[in-house]
Amino acid sequence: MVSITVSIPEDTRALMKQFPEMNWSGFVKKSIEEKAREIAESERLKKNLRNEQETIDWSVKLQRASRQGRLDILKKKGLL
């Protein structure tokens, strides 16, 4: 396991000392792990969305092409 050093203001350290029962190191470790997982998941979702953008663009183009000329057909049939 790797160790890191975190700098905090003196007043924060004094406040932390008021709660010696709190495992501050464990709290910081857990917080970092959770945030790293959140960021990794967010990046994974963004990557999937970018990969799907080509399919989305294709489907929009296909839908527009299928609607092209539909207005003229409805006008000729007297429906508009």
PDB file of N, CA and C in Angstrom:
ATOM      1  N   MET A   1       0.843  -1.170   0.000  1.00  0.00           N
ATOM      2  CA  MET A   1       0.000   0.000   0.000  1.00  0.00           C
ATOM      3  C   MET A   1       0.895   1.241   0.000  1.00  0.00           C
ATOM      4  N   VAL A   2       0.438   2.274  -0.673  1.00  0.00           N
ATOM      5  CA  VAL A   2       1.179   3.519  -0.805  1.00  0.00           C
ATOM      6  C   VAL A   2       0.702   4.503   0.265  1.00  0.00           C
ATOM      7  N   SER A   3       1.619   5.270   0.808  1.00  0.00           N
ATOM      8  CA  SER A   3       1.267   6.299   1.788  1.00  0.00           C
ATOM      9  C   SER A   3       1.322   7.662   1.126  1.00  0.00           C
ATOM     10  N   ILE A   4       0.409   8.550   1.555  1.00  0.00           N
ATOM     11  CA  ILE A   4       0.438   9.927   1.084  1.00  0.00           C
ATOM     12  C   ILE A   4       0.394  10.852   2.292  1.00  0.00           C
ATOM     13  N   THR A   5       0.813  12.078   2.087  1.00  0.00           N
ATOM     14  CA  THR A   5       0.773  13.089   3.136  1.00  0.00           C
ATOM     15  C   THR A   5      -0.205  14.167   2.705  1.00  0.00           C
ATOM     16  N   VAL A   6      -1.080  14.547   3.635  1.00  0.00           N
ATOM     17  CA  VAL A   6      -2.070  15.573   3.360  1.00  0.00           C
ATOM     18  C   VAL A   6      -1.804  16.751   4.288  1.00  0.00           C
ATOM     19  N   SER A   7      -1.754  17.937   3.718  1.00  0.00           N
ATOM     20  CA  SER A   7      -1.569  19.146   4.517  1.00  0.00           C
ATOM     21  C   SER A   7      -2.927  19.782   4.791  1.00  0.00           C
ATOM     22  N   ILE A   8      -3.147  20.138   6.043  1.00  0.00           N
ATOM     23  CA  ILE A   8      -4.389  20.794   6.424  1.00  0.00           C
ATOM     24  C   ILE A   8      -4.056  21.991   7.301  1.00  0.00           C
ATOM     25  N   PRO A   9      -4.941  22.969   7.369  1.00  0.00           N
ATOM     26  CA  PRO A   9      -4.692  24.134   8.221  1.00  0.00           C
ATOM     27  C   PRO A   9      -4.639  23.739   9.702  1.00  0.00           C
ATOM     28  N   GLU A  10      -3.930  24.531  10.467  1.00  0.00           N
ATOM     29  CA  GLU A  10      -3.772  24.276  11.911  1.00  0.00           C
ATOM     30  C   GLU A  10      -5.116  24.229  12.620  1.00  0.00           C
ATOM     31  N   ASP A  11      -6.040  25.123  12.261  1.00  0.00           N
ATOM     32  CA  ASP A  11      -7.332  25.137  12.949  1.00  0.00           C
ATOM     33  C   ASP A  11      -8.136  23.871  12.662  1.00  0.00           C
ATOM     34  N   THR A  12      -7.969  23.323  11.478  1.00  0.00           N
ATOM     35  CA  THR A  12      -8.647  22.068  11.156  1.00  0.00           C
ATOM     36  C   THR A  12      -8.052  20.934  11.974  1.00  0.00           C
ATOM     37  N   ARG A  13      -6.746  20.928  12.108  1.00  0.00           N
ATOM     38  CA  ARG A  13      -6.071  19.898  12.918  1.00  0.00           C
ATOM     39  C   ARG A  13      -6.508  19.986  14.375  1.00  0.00           C
ATOM     40  N   ALA A  14      -6.642  21.192  14.899  1.00  0.00           N
ATOM     41  CA  ALA A  14      -7.094  21.372  16.275  1.00  0.00           C
ATOM     42  C   ALA A  14      -8.518  20.829  16.442  1.00  0.00           C
ATOM     43  N   LEU A  15      -9.344  21.082  15.463  1.00  0.00           N
ATOM     44  CA  LEU A  15     -10.721  20.586  15.501  1.00  0.00           C
ATOM     45  C   LEU A  15     -10.743  19.056  15.442  1.00  0.00           C
ATOM     46  N   MET A  16      -9.897  18.483  14.604  1.00  0.00           N
ATOM     47  CA  MET A  16      -9.824  17.027  14.495  1.00  0.00           C
ATOM     48  C   MET A  16      -9.398  16.394  15.814  1.00  0.00           C
ATOM     49  N   LYS A  17      -8.509  17.047  16.546  1.00  0.00           N
ATOM     50  CA  LYS A  17      -8.024  16.512  17.821  1.00  0.00           C
ATOM     51  C   LYS A  17      -9.129  16.438  18.870  1.00  0.00           C
ATOM     52  N   GLN A  18     -10.197  17.179  18.657  1.00  0.00           N
ATOM     53  CA  GLN A  18     -11.320  17.136  19.593  1.00  0.00           C
ATOM     54  C   GLN A  18     -12.098  15.821  19.481  1.00  0.00           C
ATOM     55  N   PHE A  19     -11.821  15.075  18.414  1.00  0.00           N
ATOM     56  CA  PHE A  19     -12.525  13.815  18.177  1.00  0.00           C
ATOM     57  C   PHE A  19     -11.521  12.682  17.975  1.00  0.00           C
ATOM     58  N   PRO A  20     -10.818  12.298  19.046  1.00  0.00           N
ATOM     59  CA  PRO A  20      -9.775  11.266  18.917  1.00  0.00           C
ATOM     60  C   PRO A  20     -10.328   9.887  18.558  1.00  0.00           C
ATOM     61  N   GLU A  21     -11.613   9.670  18.785  1.00  0.00           N
ATOM     62  CA  GLU A  21     -12.205   8.370  18.455  1.00  0.00           C
ATOM     63  C   GLU A  21     -12.380   8.184  16.951  1.00  0.00           C
ATOM     64  N   MET A  22     -12.294   9.271  16.222  1.00  0.00           N
ATOM     65  CA  MET A  22     -12.470   9.224  14.768  1.00  0.00           C
ATOM     66  C   MET A  22     -11.176   8.765  14.105  1.00  0.00           C
ATOM     67  N   ASN A  23     -11.307   7.791  13.211  1.00  0.00           N
ATOM     68  CA  ASN A  23     -10.163   7.303  12.446  1.00  0.00           C
ATOM     69  C   ASN A  23     -10.049   8.180  11.191  1.00  0.00           C
ATOM     70  N   TRP A  24      -9.342   9.299  11.325  1.00  0.00           N
ATOM     71  CA  TRP A  24      -9.254  10.263  10.235  1.00  0.00           C
ATOM     72  C   TRP A  24      -8.554   9.690   9.014  1.00  0.00           C
ATOM     73  N   SER A  25      -7.533   8.899   9.243  1.00  0.00           N
ATOM     74  CA  SER A  25      -6.804   8.296   8.128  1.00  0.00           C
ATOM     75  C   SER A  25      -7.723   7.361   7.337  1.00  0.00           C
ATOM     76  N   GLY A  26      -8.487   6.547   8.047  1.00  0.00           N
ATOM     77  CA  GLY A  26      -9.418   5.641   7.393  1.00  0.00           C
ATOM     78  C   GLY A  26     -10.511   6.393   6.646  1.00  0.00           C
ATOM     79  N   PHE A  27     -10.985   7.491   7.255  1.00  0.00           N
ATOM     80  CA  PHE A  27     -12.003   8.319   6.621  1.00  0.00           C
ATOM     81  C   PHE A  27     -11.493   8.909   5.310  1.00  0.00           C
ATOM     82  N   VAL A  28     -10.280   9.453   5.335  1.00  0.00           N
ATOM     83  CA  VAL A  28      -9.695  10.046   4.134  1.00  0.00           C
ATOM     84  C   VAL A  28      -9.471   8.973   3.073  1.00  0.00           C
ATOM     85  N   LYS A  29      -8.965   7.812   3.499  1.00  0.00           N
ATOM     86  CA  LYS A  29      -8.733   6.706   2.563  1.00  0.00           C
ATOM     87  C   LYS A  29     -10.034   6.301   1.873  1.00  0.00           C
ATOM     88  N   LYS A  30     -11.086   6.104   2.665  1.00  0.00           N
ATOM     89  CA  LYS A  30     -12.372   5.694   2.107  1.00  0.00           C
ATOM     90  C   LYS A  30     -12.928   6.774   1.170  1.00  0.00           C
ATOM     91  N   SER A  31     -12.793   8.034   1.552  1.00  0.00           N
ATOM     92  CA  SER A  31     -13.286   9.136   0.727  1.00  0.00           C
ATOM     93  C   SER A  31     -12.570   9.175  -0.621  1.00  0.00           C
ATOM     94  N   ILE A  32     -11.262   8.994  -0.606  1.00  0.00           N
ATOM     95  CA  ILE A  32     -10.477   8.998  -1.847  1.00  0.00           C
ATOM     96  C   ILE A  32     -10.883   7.819  -2.733  1.00  0.00           C
ATOM     97  N   GLU A  33     -11.039   6.644  -2.135  1.00  0.00           N
ATOM     98  CA  GLU A  33     -11.431   5.463  -2.902  1.00  0.00           C
ATOM     99  C   GLU A  33     -12.796   5.670  -3.569  1.00  0.00           C
ATOM    100  N   GLU A  34     -13.767   6.187  -2.804  1.00  0.00           N
ATOM    101  CA  GLU A  34     -15.110   6.404  -3.344  1.00  0.00           C
ATOM    102  C   GLU A  34     -15.092   7.424  -4.479  1.00  0.00           C
ATOM    103  N   LYS A  35     -14.375   8.521  -4.282  1.00  0.00           N
ATOM    104  CA  LYS A  35     -14.320   9.562  -5.312  1.00  0.00           C
ATOM    105  C   LYS A  35     -13.634   9.045  -6.569  1.00  0.00           C
ATOM    106  N   ALA A  36     -12.566   8.275  -6.405  1.00  0.00           N
ATOM    107  CA  ALA A  36     -11.854   7.719  -7.561  1.00  0.00           C
ATOM    108  C   ALA A  36     -12.775   6.786  -8.353  1.00  0.00           C
ATOM    109  N   ARG A  37     -13.577   5.966  -7.642  1.00  0.00           N
ATOM    110  CA  ARG A  37     -14.531   5.084  -8.324  1.00  0.00           C
ATOM    111  C   ARG A  37     -15.592   5.896  -9.068  1.00  0.00           C
ATOM    112  N   GLU A  38     -16.113   6.960  -8.425  1.00  0.00           N
ATOM    113  CA  GLU A  38     -17.113   7.811  -9.065  1.00  0.00           C
ATOM    114  C   GLU A  38     -16.571   8.430 -10.354  1.00  0.00           C
ATOM    115  N   ILE A  39     -15.357   8.941 -10.295  1.00  0.00           N
ATOM    116  CA  ILE A  39     -14.748   9.574 -11.469  1.00  0.00           C
ATOM    117  C   ILE A  39     -14.525   8.536 -12.567  1.00  0.00           C
ATOM    118  N   ALA A  40     -14.031   7.353 -12.197  1.00  0.00           N
ATOM    119  CA  ALA A  40     -13.798   6.296 -13.183  1.00  0.00           C
ATOM    120  C   ALA A  40     -15.106   5.889 -13.869  1.00  0.00           C
ATOM    121  N   GLU A  41     -16.178   5.764 -13.088  1.00  0.00           N
ATOM    122  CA  GLU A  41     -17.472   5.396 -13.659  1.00  0.00           C
ATOM    123  C   GLU A  41     -17.990   6.494 -14.581  1.00  0.00           C
ATOM    124  N   SER A  42     -17.827   7.736 -14.171  1.00  0.00           N
ATOM    125  CA  SER A  42     -18.244   8.868 -14.990  1.00  0.00           C
ATOM    126  C   SER A  42     -17.495   8.877 -16.324  1.00  0.00           C
ATOM    127  N   GLU A  43     -16.212   8.651 -16.278  1.00  0.00           N
ATOM    128  CA  GLU A  43     -15.406   8.610 -17.503  1.00  0.00           C
ATOM    129  C   GLU A  43     -15.822   7.447 -18.399  1.00  0.00           C
ATOM    130  N   ARG A  44     -16.146   6.292 -17.800  1.00  0.00           N
ATOM    131  CA  ARG A  44     -16.590   5.139 -18.569  1.00  0.00           C
ATOM    132  C   ARG A  44     -17.910   5.455 -19.289  1.00  0.00           C
ATOM    133  N   LEU A  45     -18.832   6.104 -18.572  1.00  0.00           N
ATOM    134  CA  LEU A  45     -20.115   6.464 -19.175  1.00  0.00           C
ATOM    135  C   LEU A  45     -19.940   7.484 -20.295  1.00  0.00           C
ATOM    136  N   LYS A  46     -19.048   8.465 -20.100  1.00  0.00           N
ATOM    137  CA  LYS A  46     -18.787   9.452 -21.146  1.00  0.00           C
ATOM    138  C   LYS A  46     -18.214   8.789 -22.391  1.00  0.00           C
ATOM    139  N   LYS A  47     -17.316   7.837 -22.187  1.00  0.00           N
ATOM    140  CA  LYS A  47     -16.710   7.134 -23.321  1.00  0.00           C
ATOM    141  C   LYS A  47     -17.769   6.338 -24.076  1.00  0.00           C
ATOM    142  N   ASN A  48     -18.655   5.658 -23.345  1.00  0.00           N
ATOM    143  CA  ASN A  48     -19.732   4.903 -23.992  1.00  0.00           C
ATOM    144  C   ASN A  48     -20.650   5.830 -24.769  1.00  0.00           C
ATOM    145  N   LEU A  49     -20.936   6.999 -24.224  1.00  0.00           N
ATOM    146  CA  LEU A  49     -21.802   7.947 -24.902  1.00  0.00           C
ATOM    147  C   LEU A  49     -21.157   8.443 -26.193  1.00  0.00           C
ATOM    148  N   ARG A  50     -19.859   8.731 -26.135  1.00  0.00           N
ATOM    149  CA  ARG A  50     -19.157   9.156 -27.354  1.00  0.00           C
ATOM    150  C   ARG A  50     -19.186   8.055 -28.402  1.00  0.00           C
ATOM    151  N   ASN A  51     -19.039   6.806 -27.973  1.00  0.00           N
ATOM    152  CA  ASN A  51     -19.074   5.681 -28.910  1.00  0.00           C
ATOM    153  C   ASN A  51     -20.458   5.509 -29.530  1.00  0.00           C
ATOM    154  N   GLU A  52     -21.499   5.845 -28.781  1.00  0.00           N
ATOM    155  CA  GLU A  52     -22.861   5.693 -29.268  1.00  0.00           C
ATOM    156  C   GLU A  52     -23.307   6.873 -30.130  1.00  0.00           C
ATOM    157  N   GLN A  53     -22.557   7.956 -30.113  1.00  0.00           N
ATOM    158  CA  GLN A  53     -22.959   9.144 -30.855  1.00  0.00           C
ATOM    159  C   GLN A  53     -23.084   8.863 -32.347  1.00  0.00           C
ATOM    160  N   GLU A  54     -22.217   8.037 -32.889  1.00  0.00           N
ATOM    161  CA  GLU A  54     -22.286   7.692 -34.314  1.00  0.00           C
ATOM    162  C   GLU A  54     -23.609   6.993 -34.632  1.00  0.00           C
ATOM    163  N   THR A  55     -24.031   6.089 -33.773  1.00  0.00           N
ATOM    164  CA  THR A  55     -25.306   5.391 -33.965  1.00  0.00           C
ATOM    165  C   THR A  55     -26.475   6.356 -33.845  1.00  0.00           C
ATOM    166  N   ILE A  56     -26.406   7.259 -32.888  1.00  0.00           N
ATOM    167  CA  ILE A  56     -27.468   8.261 -32.707  1.00  0.00           C
ATOM    168  C   ILE A  56     -27.578   9.130 -33.953  1.00  0.00           C
ATOM    169  N   ASP A  57     -26.449   9.616 -34.445  1.00  0.00           N
ATOM    170  CA  ASP A  57     -26.450  10.450 -35.648  1.00  0.00           C
ATOM    171  C   ASP A  57     -27.036   9.699 -36.840  1.00  0.00           C
ATOM    172  N   TRP A  58     -26.671   8.426 -36.992  1.00  0.00           N
ATOM    173  CA  TRP A  58     -27.182   7.603 -38.084  1.00  0.00           C
ATOM    174  C   TRP A  58     -28.694   7.453 -37.991  1.00  0.00           C
ATOM    175  N   SER A  59     -29.216   7.193 -36.773  1.00  0.00           N
ATOM    176  CA  SER A  59     -30.656   6.992 -36.622  1.00  0.00           C
ATOM    177  C   SER A  59     -31.435   8.278 -36.890  1.00  0.00           C
ATOM    178  N   VAL A  60     -30.905   9.426 -36.487  1.00  0.00           N
ATOM    179  CA  VAL A  60     -31.565  10.704 -36.761  1.00  0.00           C
ATOM    180  C   VAL A  60     -31.589  10.951 -38.270  1.00  0.00           C
ATOM    181  N   LYS A  61     -30.479  10.694 -38.926  1.00  0.00           N
ATOM    182  CA  LYS A  61     -30.403  10.878 -40.378  1.00  0.00           C
ATOM    183  C   LYS A  61     -31.393   9.960 -41.092  1.00  0.00           C
ATOM    184  N   LEU A  62     -31.506   8.731 -40.644  1.00  0.00           N
ATOM    185  CA  LEU A  62     -32.430   7.777 -41.228  1.00  0.00           C
ATOM    186  C   LEU A  62     -33.880   8.234 -41.036  1.00  0.00           C
ATOM    187  N   GLN A  63     -34.198   8.717 -39.850  1.00  0.00           N
ATOM    188  CA  GLN A  63     -35.552   9.186 -39.579  1.00  0.00           C
ATOM    189  C   GLN A  63     -35.900  10.389 -40.451  1.00  0.00           C
ATOM    190  N   ARG A  64     -34.978  11.312 -40.584  1.00  0.00           N
ATOM    191  CA  ARG A  64     -35.221  12.486 -41.427  1.00  0.00           C
ATOM    192  C   ARG A  64     -35.420  12.090 -42.884  1.00  0.00           C
ATOM    193  N   ALA A  65     -34.640  11.131 -43.344  1.00  0.00           N
ATOM    194  CA  ALA A  65     -34.761  10.674 -44.726  1.00  0.00           C
ATOM    195  C   ALA A  65     -36.110  10.003 -44.959  1.00  0.00           C
ATOM    196  N   SER A  66     -36.583   9.279 -43.954  1.00  0.00           N
ATOM    197  CA  SER A  66     -37.870   8.598 -44.124  1.00  0.00           C
ATOM    198  C   SER A  66     -39.029   9.587 -44.142  1.00  0.00           C
ATOM    199  N   ARG A  67     -38.861  10.736 -43.516  1.00  0.00           N
ATOM    200  CA  ARG A  67     -39.910  11.761 -43.481  1.00  0.00           C
ATOM    201  C   ARG A  67     -39.861  12.696 -44.682  1.00  0.00           C
ATOM    202  N   GLN A  68     -38.759  12.677 -45.393  1.00  0.00           N
ATOM    203  CA  GLN A  68     -38.587  13.585 -46.524  1.00  0.00           C
ATOM    204  C   GLN A  68     -39.637  13.280 -47.593  1.00  0.00           C
ATOM    205  N   GLY A  69     -40.339  14.304 -48.020  1.00  0.00           N
ATOM    206  CA  GLY A  69     -41.352  14.122 -49.041  1.00  0.00           C
ATOM    207  C   GLY A  69     -42.713  13.722 -48.498  1.00  0.00           C
ATOM    208  N   ARG A  70     -42.802  13.391 -47.223  1.00  0.00           N
ATOM    209  CA  ARG A  70     -44.069  12.962 -46.636  1.00  0.00           C
ATOM    210  C   ARG A  70     -45.104  14.085 -46.669  1.00  0.00           C
ATOM    211  N   LEU A  71     -44.671  15.321 -46.464  1.00  0.00           N
ATOM    212  CA  LEU A  71     -45.584  16.457 -46.505  1.00  0.00           C
ATOM    213  C   LEU A  71     -46.223  16.598 -47.880  1.00  0.00           C
ATOM    214  N   ASP A  72     -45.424  16.448 -48.919  1.00  0.00           N
ATOM    215  CA  ASP A  72     -45.959  16.537 -50.280  1.00  0.00           C
ATOM    216  C   ASP A  72     -46.977  15.431 -50.548  1.00  0.00           C
ATOM    217  N   ILE A  73     -46.721  14.230 -50.069  1.00  0.00           N
ATOM    218  CA  ILE A  73     -47.629  13.098 -50.260  1.00  0.00           C
ATOM    219  C   ILE A  73     -48.961  13.374 -49.566  1.00  0.00           C
ATOM    220  N   LEU A  74     -48.902  13.887 -48.327  1.00  0.00           N
ATOM    221  CA  LEU A  74     -50.131  14.194 -47.596  1.00  0.00           C
ATOM    222  C   LEU A  74     -50.924  15.311 -48.270  1.00  0.00           C
ATOM    223  N   LYS A  75     -50.217  16.299 -48.832  1.00  0.00           N
ATOM    224  CA  LYS A  75     -50.900  17.387 -49.538  1.00  0.00           C
ATOM    225  C   LYS A  75     -51.604  16.848 -50.786  1.00  0.00           C
ATOM    226  N   LYS A  76     -50.957  15.958 -51.521  1.00  0.00           N
ATOM    227  CA  LYS A  76     -51.542  15.383 -52.743  1.00  0.00           C
ATOM    228  C   LYS A  76     -52.774  14.548 -52.412  1.00  0.00           C
ATOM    229  N   LYS A  77     -52.757  13.896 -51.269  1.00  0.00           N
ATOM    230  CA  LYS A  77     -53.900  13.080 -50.858  1.00  0.00           C
ATOM    231  C   LYS A  77     -55.026  13.933 -50.264  1.00  0.00           C
ATOM    232  N   GLY A  78     -54.753  15.241 -50.089  1.00  0.00           N
ATOM    233  CA  GLY A  78     -55.755  16.142 -49.541  1.00  0.00           C
ATOM    234  C   GLY A  78     -55.930  16.027 -48.037  1.00  0.00           C
ATOM    235  N   LEU A  79     -54.940  15.459 -47.385  1.00  0.00           N
ATOM    236  CA  LEU A  79     -55.018  15.300 -45.938  1.00  0.00           C
ATOM    237  C   LEU A  79     -54.514  16.543 -45.193  1.00  0.00           C
ATOM    238  N   LEU A  80     -53.900  17.466 -45.909  1.00  0.00           N
ATOM    239  CA  LEU A  80     -53.434  18.715 -45.299  1.00  0.00           C
ATOM    240  C   LEU A  80     -53.981  19.909 -46.055  1.00  0.00           C
TER     241      LEU A  80
END
